[in-house]
Amino acid sequence: MSEAENKKRLDLYERALARIRDNTNGTRDKLFAPVVPKFPGATPAQLLKEARADAERRYARHIGADLARKVAGTLTLEHLREHLKGPEAPHDKALGRAEERDAAKLERDAILDNLFRDTRVLQEVYKKAKLRDPRITLDQVRKYRSENLNLEKRPTKFNSWVANYARDEYQADLLFFDDLRARDESGRERVEYYAGLILVDTFSKKLTIVPMPTKSAEDIINAFKKGFADMGGPPRMIYCDADSGIMAAETRKFLEDNRVVVSITSTHAPLAERMIGYMKGKIFHRLQSRPKQRWWNVVGDVVREYHAEHQSRATKMTPNEAARPANHDEVKQTLEANRLSNNPQPRLQEGDVVKVRIKKKFEKGYRPDWSDKLYTITSAVPGNAAKFVAKKHAVPLSDDVPLSEAGKNTVDPQTHYRLKPLEGLLGAKRGVYMRHELLFVKHKAD
């Protein structure tokens, strides 16, 4: 654009601002006049929004989109009020009626919000609401619940996640022998290991258990190194719960340096949890015949026996057989045949409103499973925040590099969601949430 054209555009911009400010020749009335009858019953905020959008389209042809947006932004509710009360206004009482509706809605929402905190039964809320405000209708109560509580049913059944190949995903968790820790702390017995790290391959069901003296970040890193060696190498991703040792900066850096994507859940790693119970039972059974030994002395034999003899119901093979490349297609076909899809969920997108899971499954107490506060999805990410260039050394990518660049990034294929606000939530530390940790409330407002 030439200097002369730019000067002309700026002059038109200044004149437009002045005409709106002074309502020269009824400029503001001309902007509001087509909008008010077009949207009968609209609130003042909605009328102003439509008038600004219309003004932006008009001025953009002459001064460009950026300046037109600034001009349209100078329209205010006070300007709208003047228009609706002026002699040229076709609906001089529209603003007053709209303001009354807004006030009544705010009062009604406050009543319903208070009542829904005590009970979620629709008829009970409706009866109590009628006592406070006889104007409240059952349809209004239904509408409030659908817009502010949840449209998605709280899940009672869950979906399966099927890995694509061996070492695609490990589920990780810490296991503890609390009776041994109590003996050690009381001084009755010197206990070398009372904790361990379990890694389970979700495809082949192979696993390893690495004893740890403590659950510090240093011991967890050493356990990961030993576990990766036992399993034949690191996985593409790890799924685990939010243990402080795993979430520690040193542990995360170690996993990132090994190009491992970490998916941290606010619930549990279900396969790892089940295998902890199963393997503890095998370990205790083995110790009954070897009373002078400790669990870390027999765990290796128990794991080897499991790999060679235990036939998984999911793969119909032993872990050693399922891990063989020759059996990959058969294992994948069997896992897909048994995949569960019992919890169909609405697709989430940017701008949708959700609640966040704040309580782990099986956790005791009166704390609710889902947050009372509502959160807005700011973006849907095809994988979590760990991204690396495949060079000699793993180098983190900046956020503006596409996650879908094949061969350049290590990406968890499960969609992750960024929310706002995040203060005080688990996601504030890890940055994202997975779909099963979100309860859909309402779609983005049109």
Protein backbone atom coordinates (compact mmCIF):
# COMPACT_ATOMS: atom_id res chain seq x y z
CA MET A 1 0.00 0.00 0.00
CA SER A 2 1.37 3.40 -1.02
CA GLU A 3 1.91 6.21 1.45
CA ALA A 4 -0.95 8.22 -0.10
CA GLU A 5 -3.36 5.28 0.16
CA ASN A 6 -2.37 4.65 3.75
CA LYS A 7 -2.88 8.34 4.63
CA LYS A 8 -6.32 8.29 3.02
CA ARG A 9 -7.28 5.18 4.97
CA LEU A 10 -6.18 6.74 8.26
CA ASP A 11 -8.14 9.91 7.50
CA LEU A 12 -11.28 7.83 6.88
CA TYR A 13 -10.60 6.00 10.15
CA GLU A 14 -10.41 9.26 12.13
CA ARG A 15 -13.57 10.55 10.49
CA ALA A 16 -15.43 7.31 11.28
CA LEU A 17 -14.42 7.55 14.94
CA ALA A 18 -15.64 11.16 15.11
CA ARG A 19 -18.95 10.38 13.38
CA ILE A 20 -19.69 7.57 15.84
CA ARG A 21 -18.59 9.64 18.83
CA ASP A 22 -20.77 12.63 17.88
CA ASN A 23 -23.53 10.60 16.14
CA THR A 24 -23.08 12.85 13.12
CA ASN A 25 -26.13 12.65 10.83
CA GLY A 26 -27.42 9.79 13.00
CA THR A 27 -24.42 7.52 12.28
CA ARG A 28 -25.01 5.39 15.35
CA ASP A 29 -28.74 5.17 14.68
CA LYS A 30 -27.98 3.88 11.18
CA LEU A 31 -25.74 1.18 12.65
CA PHE A 32 -28.25 0.05 15.29
CA ALA A 33 -31.46 0.46 13.23
CA PRO A 34 -31.18 -2.77 11.13
CA VAL A 35 -30.08 -4.86 14.12
CA VAL A 36 -32.80 -4.20 16.73
CA PRO A 37 -35.82 -5.46 14.73
CA LYS A 38 -33.77 -8.34 13.34
CA PHE A 39 -33.20 -9.81 16.82
CA PRO A 40 -36.43 -9.39 18.84
CA GLY A 41 -36.04 -10.46 22.47
CA ALA A 42 -32.23 -10.30 22.37
CA THR A 43 -30.34 -9.05 25.43
CA PRO A 44 -28.49 -5.70 25.27
CA ALA A 45 -25.16 -7.53 25.09
CA GLN A 46 -26.35 -9.61 22.13
CA LEU A 47 -27.69 -6.54 20.31
CA LEU A 48 -24.41 -4.70 20.84
CA LYS A 49 -22.41 -7.71 19.61
CA GLU A 50 -24.46 -7.93 16.40
CA ALA A 51 -24.25 -4.16 15.83
CA ARG A 52 -20.47 -4.21 16.21
CA ALA A 53 -20.17 -7.14 13.79
CA ASP A 54 -22.35 -5.33 11.25
CA ALA A 55 -20.35 -2.11 11.64
CA GLU A 56 -17.08 -3.98 11.21
CA ARG A 57 -18.29 -5.47 7.92
CA ARG A 58 -19.39 -2.06 6.65
CA TYR A 59 -16.18 -0.19 7.47
CA ALA A 60 -13.82 -3.00 6.42
CA ARG A 61 -14.50 -2.27 2.76
CA HIS A 62 -13.08 1.23 3.16
CA ILE A 63 -10.42 1.16 5.90
CA GLY A 64 -9.44 -2.51 6.24
CA ALA A 65 -10.36 -5.18 8.79
CA ASP A 66 -8.01 -4.09 11.61
CA LEU A 67 -9.14 -0.46 11.69
CA ALA A 68 -12.77 -1.46 11.14
CA ARG A 69 -12.59 -3.67 14.23
CA LYS A 70 -11.35 -0.71 16.28
CA VAL A 71 -14.12 1.54 14.97
CA ALA A 72 -16.81 -1.05 15.73
CA GLY A 73 -15.38 -1.46 19.22
CA THR A 74 -16.24 2.15 20.06
CA LEU A 75 -19.96 1.31 20.05
CA THR A 76 -21.18 0.96 23.66
CA LEU A 77 -24.26 -0.03 25.60
CA GLU A 78 -24.83 3.67 26.34
CA HIS A 79 -25.01 4.33 22.58
CA LEU A 80 -27.53 1.50 22.25
CA ARG A 81 -29.58 2.90 25.11
CA GLU A 82 -29.68 6.33 23.44
CA HIS A 83 -30.77 4.76 20.15
CA LEU A 84 -33.59 2.73 21.70
CA LYS A 85 -34.92 5.77 23.58
CA GLY A 86 -34.56 8.18 20.64
CA PRO A 87 -37.36 9.39 18.31
CA GLU A 88 -36.19 7.16 15.47
CA ALA A 89 -36.19 3.99 17.56
CA PRO A 90 -38.77 1.42 16.45
CA HIS A 91 -38.68 -0.34 19.85
CA ASP A 92 -38.21 2.32 22.52
CA LYS A 93 -38.93 -0.18 25.35
CA ALA A 94 -36.71 -2.99 24.07
CA LEU A 95 -33.73 -2.11 26.22
CA GLY A 96 -35.76 -1.92 29.41
CA ARG A 97 -37.36 -5.29 28.76
CA ALA A 98 -34.00 -6.86 27.95
CA GLU A 99 -32.45 -5.49 31.13
CA GLU A 100 -35.35 -6.85 33.17
CA ARG A 101 -34.86 -10.29 31.59
CA ASP A 102 -31.15 -10.19 32.39
CA ALA A 103 -31.80 -9.30 36.03
CA ALA A 104 -34.44 -12.03 36.38
CA LYS A 105 -32.11 -14.62 34.83
CA LEU A 106 -29.25 -13.71 37.19
CA GLU A 107 -31.57 -14.03 40.18
CA ARG A 108 -32.97 -17.35 38.91
CA ASP A 109 -29.49 -18.78 38.19
CA ALA A 110 -28.31 -17.87 41.70
CA ILE A 111 -31.28 -19.76 43.22
CA LEU A 112 -30.76 -22.84 41.04
CA ASP A 113 -27.00 -22.90 41.57
CA ASN A 114 -27.53 -22.99 45.33
CA LEU A 115 -30.16 -25.72 45.13
CA PHE A 116 -28.23 -27.97 42.72
CA ARG A 117 -25.31 -28.01 45.17
CA ASP A 118 -27.56 -29.84 47.67
CA THR A 119 -29.20 -32.29 45.28
CA ARG A 120 -29.11 -33.21 41.59
CA VAL A 121 -32.71 -34.54 41.52
CA LEU A 122 -34.57 -32.35 39.05
CA GLN A 123 -38.03 -32.48 40.67
CA GLU A 124 -36.68 -31.70 44.14
CA VAL A 125 -34.80 -28.67 42.83
CA TYR A 126 -37.90 -27.49 40.95
CA LYS A 127 -40.15 -27.73 44.03
CA LYS A 128 -37.70 -25.81 46.23
CA ALA A 129 -37.09 -23.22 43.52
CA LYS A 130 -40.85 -22.56 43.20
CA LEU A 131 -40.97 -21.74 46.92
CA ARG A 132 -38.32 -19.07 46.43
CA ASP A 133 -39.56 -17.70 43.11
CA PRO A 134 -43.01 -18.78 41.82
CA ARG A 135 -42.09 -17.57 38.31
CA ILE A 136 -39.52 -20.35 37.81
CA THR A 137 -40.69 -23.08 35.42
CA LEU A 138 -39.61 -26.71 35.05
CA ASP A 139 -38.23 -25.97 31.57
CA GLN A 140 -36.02 -23.24 33.03
CA VAL A 141 -34.67 -25.69 35.61
CA ARG A 142 -33.96 -28.25 32.87
CA LYS A 143 -32.23 -25.63 30.74
CA TYR A 144 -30.06 -24.47 33.64
CA ARG A 145 -29.01 -28.04 34.41
CA SER A 146 -28.10 -28.79 30.79
CA GLU A 147 -26.09 -25.58 30.42
CA ASN A 148 -24.31 -25.51 33.77
CA LEU A 149 -24.06 -29.02 35.17
CA ASN A 150 -23.41 -31.68 32.55
CA LEU A 151 -24.87 -33.10 29.37
CA GLU A 152 -22.59 -36.12 29.51
CA LYS A 153 -23.51 -38.92 31.89
CA ARG A 154 -20.90 -39.75 34.48
CA PRO A 155 -19.13 -42.84 33.09
CA THR A 156 -19.93 -46.21 34.64
CA LYS A 157 -18.23 -48.18 31.86
CA PHE A 158 -14.96 -47.55 30.13
CA ASN A 159 -13.26 -47.97 26.78
CA SER A 160 -10.20 -50.05 25.98
CA TRP A 161 -6.94 -48.66 24.72
CA VAL A 162 -5.07 -51.07 22.42
CA ALA A 163 -1.35 -50.68 21.78
CA ASN A 164 -0.03 -51.11 18.25
CA TYR A 165 3.04 -53.22 18.96
CA ALA A 166 5.36 -54.43 21.73
CA ARG A 167 7.06 -51.54 23.61
CA ASP A 168 4.50 -49.09 22.22
CA GLU A 169 3.28 -48.29 25.76
CA TYR A 170 4.35 -49.31 29.25
CA GLN A 171 2.08 -48.72 32.21
CA ALA A 172 4.13 -47.78 35.26
CA ASP A 173 3.35 -47.70 38.96
CA LEU A 174 5.05 -47.98 42.34
CA LEU A 175 4.38 -50.88 44.68
CA PHE A 176 5.03 -50.95 48.41
CA PHE A 177 5.36 -53.55 51.15
CA ASP A 178 4.09 -51.48 54.07
CA ASP A 179 4.61 -54.23 56.64
CA LEU A 180 8.32 -54.32 55.78
CA ARG A 181 8.56 -50.54 55.99
CA ALA A 182 6.94 -50.65 59.46
CA ARG A 183 9.49 -53.22 60.61
CA ASP A 184 12.37 -51.14 59.28
CA GLU A 185 11.13 -47.91 60.86
CA SER A 186 10.58 -49.61 64.23
CA GLY A 187 14.11 -51.05 64.19
CA ARG A 188 12.92 -54.63 64.49
CA GLU A 189 14.44 -55.63 61.14
CA ARG A 190 16.79 -54.12 58.58
CA VAL A 191 14.84 -53.95 55.32
CA GLU A 192 16.84 -53.28 52.18
CA TYR A 193 13.90 -52.70 49.80
CA TYR A 194 10.31 -51.97 50.71
CA ALA A 195 9.30 -50.32 47.40
CA GLY A 196 9.48 -51.25 43.74
CA LEU A 197 8.73 -49.99 40.23
CA ILE A 198 6.56 -52.14 37.97
CA LEU A 199 6.50 -51.70 34.18
CA VAL A 200 3.91 -53.59 32.11
CA ASP A 201 3.87 -53.73 28.31
CA THR A 202 0.20 -53.21 27.39
CA PHE A 203 0.64 -55.13 24.11
CA SER A 204 2.52 -58.30 25.09
CA LYS A 205 1.76 -58.15 28.87
CA LYS A 206 5.45 -58.64 29.66
CA LEU A 207 6.50 -56.93 32.88
CA THR A 208 9.37 -56.26 35.19
CA ILE A 209 9.56 -55.33 38.88
CA VAL A 210 12.61 -53.41 40.05
CA PRO A 211 13.19 -53.16 43.85
CA MET A 212 13.92 -49.65 45.19
CA PRO A 213 15.27 -48.58 48.60
CA THR A 214 13.14 -45.40 48.54
CA LYS A 215 10.77 -43.67 46.15
CA SER A 216 13.03 -40.67 45.59
CA ALA A 217 13.50 -39.34 42.07
CA GLU A 218 17.06 -40.70 41.96
CA ASP A 219 15.95 -44.23 42.88
CA ILE A 220 13.04 -44.08 40.40
CA ILE A 221 15.41 -43.03 37.59
CA ASN A 222 17.75 -45.94 38.40
CA ALA A 223 14.74 -48.26 38.47
CA PHE A 224 13.61 -47.03 35.05
CA LYS A 225 17.09 -47.70 33.65
CA LYS A 226 17.08 -51.24 35.02
CA GLY A 227 13.46 -51.78 33.93
CA PHE A 228 14.08 -50.62 30.36
CA ALA A 229 17.03 -53.03 30.14
CA ASP A 230 14.87 -55.90 31.44
CA MET A 231 12.09 -55.11 28.93
CA GLY A 232 14.39 -54.90 25.91
CA GLY A 233 14.44 -51.11 25.66
CA PRO A 234 12.42 -47.99 26.48
CA PRO A 235 8.83 -47.68 25.22
CA ARG A 236 7.41 -45.00 22.96
CA MET A 237 5.25 -43.79 25.84
CA ILE A 238 4.56 -44.38 29.52
CA TYR A 239 1.13 -44.17 31.16
CA CYS A 240 1.17 -43.64 34.93
CA ASP A 241 -0.55 -41.84 37.78
CA ALA A 242 0.66 -38.64 39.39
CA ASP A 243 3.24 -39.99 41.83
CA SER A 244 5.50 -37.23 43.09
CA GLY A 245 8.66 -39.19 42.25
CA ILE A 246 7.60 -39.75 38.63
CA MET A 247 6.44 -36.15 38.23
CA ALA A 248 9.74 -34.81 39.58
CA ALA A 249 11.69 -32.64 37.15
CA GLU A 250 14.72 -35.00 37.19
CA THR A 251 12.57 -38.02 36.31
CA ARG A 252 10.75 -36.16 33.54
CA LYS A 253 14.04 -34.98 32.06
CA PHE A 254 15.43 -38.54 32.08
CA LEU A 255 12.38 -39.84 30.21
CA GLU A 256 12.45 -36.93 27.75
CA ASP A 257 16.15 -37.55 27.06
CA ASN A 258 15.20 -41.14 26.21
CA ARG A 259 12.46 -39.90 23.83
CA VAL A 260 9.68 -41.33 26.00
CA VAL A 261 6.32 -39.53 26.01
CA VAL A 262 4.76 -39.44 29.50
CA SER A 263 0.97 -39.50 29.92
CA ILE A 264 0.11 -38.73 33.54
CA THR A 265 -3.45 -39.48 34.63
CA SER A 266 -5.39 -38.23 37.63
CA THR A 267 -6.90 -41.73 37.98
CA HIS A 268 -4.81 -44.92 37.90
CA ALA A 269 -2.86 -47.04 35.46
CA PRO A 270 -5.36 -49.96 35.50
CA LEU A 271 -3.20 -52.73 34.02
CA ALA A 272 -0.27 -51.91 36.31
CA GLU A 273 -2.63 -51.82 39.33
CA ARG A 274 -4.02 -55.28 38.50
CA MET A 275 -0.57 -56.75 37.93
CA ILE A 276 0.67 -55.41 41.27
CA GLY A 277 -2.02 -57.40 43.08
CA TYR A 278 -1.40 -60.51 40.98
CA MET A 279 2.38 -60.46 41.36
CA LYS A 280 2.26 -59.72 45.10
CA GLY A 281 0.13 -62.82 45.54
CA LYS A 282 2.70 -64.90 43.62
CA ILE A 283 5.57 -63.40 45.65
CA PHE A 284 3.91 -64.14 49.01
CA HIS A 285 3.13 -67.70 47.88
CA ARG A 286 6.80 -68.20 46.92
CA LEU A 287 8.01 -66.81 50.28
CA GLN A 288 5.92 -69.36 52.19
CA SER A 289 8.25 -72.09 50.93
CA ARG A 290 11.36 -69.92 51.45
CA PRO A 291 10.84 -68.24 54.85
CA LYS A 292 14.44 -67.03 55.18
CA GLN A 293 14.38 -65.06 51.92
CA ARG A 294 12.93 -61.65 51.17
CA TRP A 295 10.71 -60.53 48.31
CA TRP A 296 13.56 -58.94 46.34
CA ASN A 297 15.34 -62.31 46.36
CA VAL A 298 12.44 -64.17 44.70
CA VAL A 299 10.85 -61.52 42.47
CA GLY A 300 13.11 -62.40 39.53
CA ASP A 301 12.05 -66.07 39.61
CA VAL A 302 8.36 -65.07 39.91
CA VAL A 303 8.59 -62.76 36.87
CA ARG A 304 10.37 -65.40 34.75
CA GLU A 305 7.74 -67.99 35.68
CA TYR A 306 4.98 -65.52 34.76
CA HIS A 307 6.52 -64.82 31.36
CA ALA A 308 6.91 -68.49 30.52
CA GLU A 309 3.71 -70.01 31.93
CA HIS A 310 0.95 -67.42 32.41
CA GLN A 311 -1.47 -67.30 29.49
CA SER A 312 -3.10 -63.89 29.25
CA ARG A 313 -6.85 -63.77 28.70
CA ALA A 314 -6.34 -60.70 26.50
CA THR A 315 -3.76 -62.16 24.09
CA LYS A 316 -4.44 -65.90 24.50
CA MET A 317 -0.64 -66.33 24.72
CA THR A 318 2.10 -66.22 27.30
CA PRO A 319 3.96 -62.85 27.49
CA ASN A 320 7.07 -64.41 25.91
CA GLU A 321 5.01 -65.68 22.96
CA ALA A 322 3.12 -62.41 22.52
CA ALA A 323 6.37 -60.43 22.40
CA ARG A 324 7.72 -62.37 19.41
CA PRO A 325 7.55 -60.35 16.14
CA ALA A 326 6.17 -63.39 14.32
CA ASN A 327 3.06 -63.31 16.53
CA HIS A 328 2.43 -59.56 16.25
CA ASP A 329 -0.49 -59.72 13.80
CA GLU A 330 -2.28 -62.46 15.74
CA VAL A 331 -1.89 -60.60 19.05
CA LYS A 332 -3.09 -57.33 17.52
CA GLN A 333 -6.14 -59.05 15.99
CA THR A 334 -7.02 -60.71 19.33
CA LEU A 335 -6.69 -57.43 21.26
CA GLU A 336 -8.85 -55.56 18.75
CA ALA A 337 -11.49 -58.31 18.89
CA ASN A 338 -11.74 -57.83 22.66
CA ARG A 339 -11.64 -54.02 22.58
CA LEU A 340 -14.35 -52.39 24.72
CA SER A 341 -16.21 -49.30 23.51
CA ASN A 342 -18.90 -49.13 26.17
CA ASN A 343 -18.61 -45.44 26.93
CA PRO A 344 -19.38 -43.35 23.83
CA GLN A 345 -18.33 -39.77 24.56
CA PRO A 346 -19.14 -36.48 22.84
CA ARG A 347 -16.28 -35.06 20.80
CA LEU A 348 -14.66 -32.07 22.49
CA GLN A 349 -13.41 -29.00 20.69
CA GLU A 350 -11.97 -25.60 21.44
CA GLY A 351 -14.36 -23.47 23.50
CA ASP A 352 -16.32 -26.38 25.03
CA VAL A 353 -16.99 -26.23 28.77
CA VAL A 354 -16.02 -29.21 30.96
CA LYS A 355 -15.55 -30.37 34.53
CA VAL A 356 -12.29 -31.98 35.63
CA ARG A 357 -11.76 -35.23 37.52
CA ILE A 358 -10.29 -34.36 40.92
CA LYS A 359 -10.53 -37.70 42.72
CA LYS A 360 -8.87 -40.98 41.87
CA LYS A 361 -11.04 -44.03 41.39
CA PHE A 362 -11.29 -46.11 44.61
CA GLU A 363 -10.11 -43.16 46.73
CA LYS A 364 -12.07 -42.97 49.98
CA GLY A 365 -13.59 -39.80 51.39
CA TYR A 366 -16.28 -37.22 50.76
CA ARG A 367 -14.47 -35.29 48.08
CA PRO A 368 -16.49 -35.31 44.81
CA ASP A 369 -15.19 -37.06 41.69
CA TRP A 370 -15.60 -33.98 39.50
CA SER A 371 -14.87 -30.31 40.07
CA ASP A 372 -17.69 -27.87 40.84
CA LYS A 373 -15.80 -25.26 38.88
CA LEU A 374 -16.18 -25.18 35.09
CA TYR A 375 -13.25 -24.98 32.70
CA THR A 376 -12.99 -24.00 29.05
CA ILE A 377 -10.96 -25.97 26.49
CA THR A 378 -8.42 -23.65 24.86
CA SER A 379 -6.97 -26.21 22.43
CA ALA A 380 -7.01 -29.90 21.50
CA VAL A 381 -3.48 -31.29 21.03
CA PRO A 382 -2.84 -34.52 19.05
CA GLY A 383 -0.51 -35.89 21.72
CA ASN A 384 0.99 -34.49 24.87
CA ALA A 385 3.60 -31.78 25.33
CA ALA A 386 6.69 -33.97 24.95
CA LYS A 387 8.06 -33.39 21.42
CA PHE A 388 11.52 -34.22 20.13
CA VAL A 389 13.53 -33.99 16.94
CA ALA A 390 15.05 -37.30 15.87
CA LYS A 391 18.71 -36.23 15.87
CA LYS A 392 21.79 -37.53 17.64
CA HIS A 393 20.57 -35.85 20.82
CA ALA A 394 16.88 -35.29 21.58
CA VAL A 395 16.11 -31.59 21.24
CA PRO A 396 12.76 -30.17 22.44
CA LEU A 397 10.69 -28.53 19.71
CA SER A 398 9.04 -25.17 20.10
CA ASP A 399 5.25 -25.07 20.40
CA ASP A 400 4.81 -23.76 16.86
CA VAL A 401 6.23 -26.94 15.28
CA PRO A 402 3.40 -29.25 14.10
CA LEU A 403 3.09 -32.38 16.19
CA SER A 404 2.08 -34.46 13.17
CA GLU A 405 5.44 -34.33 11.35
CA ALA A 406 6.08 -38.04 10.79
CA GLY A 407 9.56 -39.22 11.72
CA LYS A 408 10.48 -36.04 13.57
CA ASN A 409 8.38 -36.20 16.71
CA THR A 410 7.52 -38.73 19.36
CA VAL A 411 3.80 -38.24 19.81
CA ASP A 412 1.21 -39.90 22.03
CA PRO A 413 -1.72 -40.45 19.58
CA GLN A 414 -4.32 -39.89 22.30
CA THR A 415 -5.72 -36.36 22.09
CA HIS A 416 -4.89 -34.09 25.02
CA TYR A 417 -6.72 -30.92 26.01
CA ARG A 418 -5.44 -27.65 27.42
CA LEU A 419 -7.83 -25.82 29.74
CA LYS A 420 -8.27 -22.46 31.40
CA PRO A 421 -7.97 -21.59 34.18
CA LEU A 422 -5.60 -24.26 35.57
CA GLU A 423 -4.64 -22.85 38.98
CA GLY A 424 -4.57 -25.49 41.69
CA LEU A 425 -5.21 -28.44 39.37
CA LEU A 426 -3.00 -31.39 38.47
CA GLY A 427 -3.05 -30.16 34.88
CA ALA A 428 -1.35 -26.93 35.96
CA LYS A 429 1.82 -28.95 36.47
CA ARG A 430 1.62 -31.25 33.48
CA GLY A 431 -0.19 -28.80 31.18
CA VAL A 432 -2.84 -31.07 29.63
CA TYR A 433 -5.75 -33.43 30.37
CA MET A 434 -6.89 -36.62 28.67
CA ARG A 435 -10.48 -37.22 27.53
CA HIS A 436 -11.45 -39.63 30.32
CA GLU A 437 -10.48 -36.98 32.89
CA LEU A 438 -13.00 -34.48 31.52
CA LEU A 439 -16.79 -34.43 31.96
CA PHE A 440 -18.50 -32.60 29.13
CA VAL A 441 -20.87 -29.80 30.25
CA LYS A 442 -21.80 -27.76 27.19
CA HIS A 443 -20.58 -26.89 23.74
CA LYS A 444 -18.98 -23.63 22.79
CA ALA A 445 -21.55 -20.83 22.72
CA ASP A 446 -22.61 -19.92 19.19
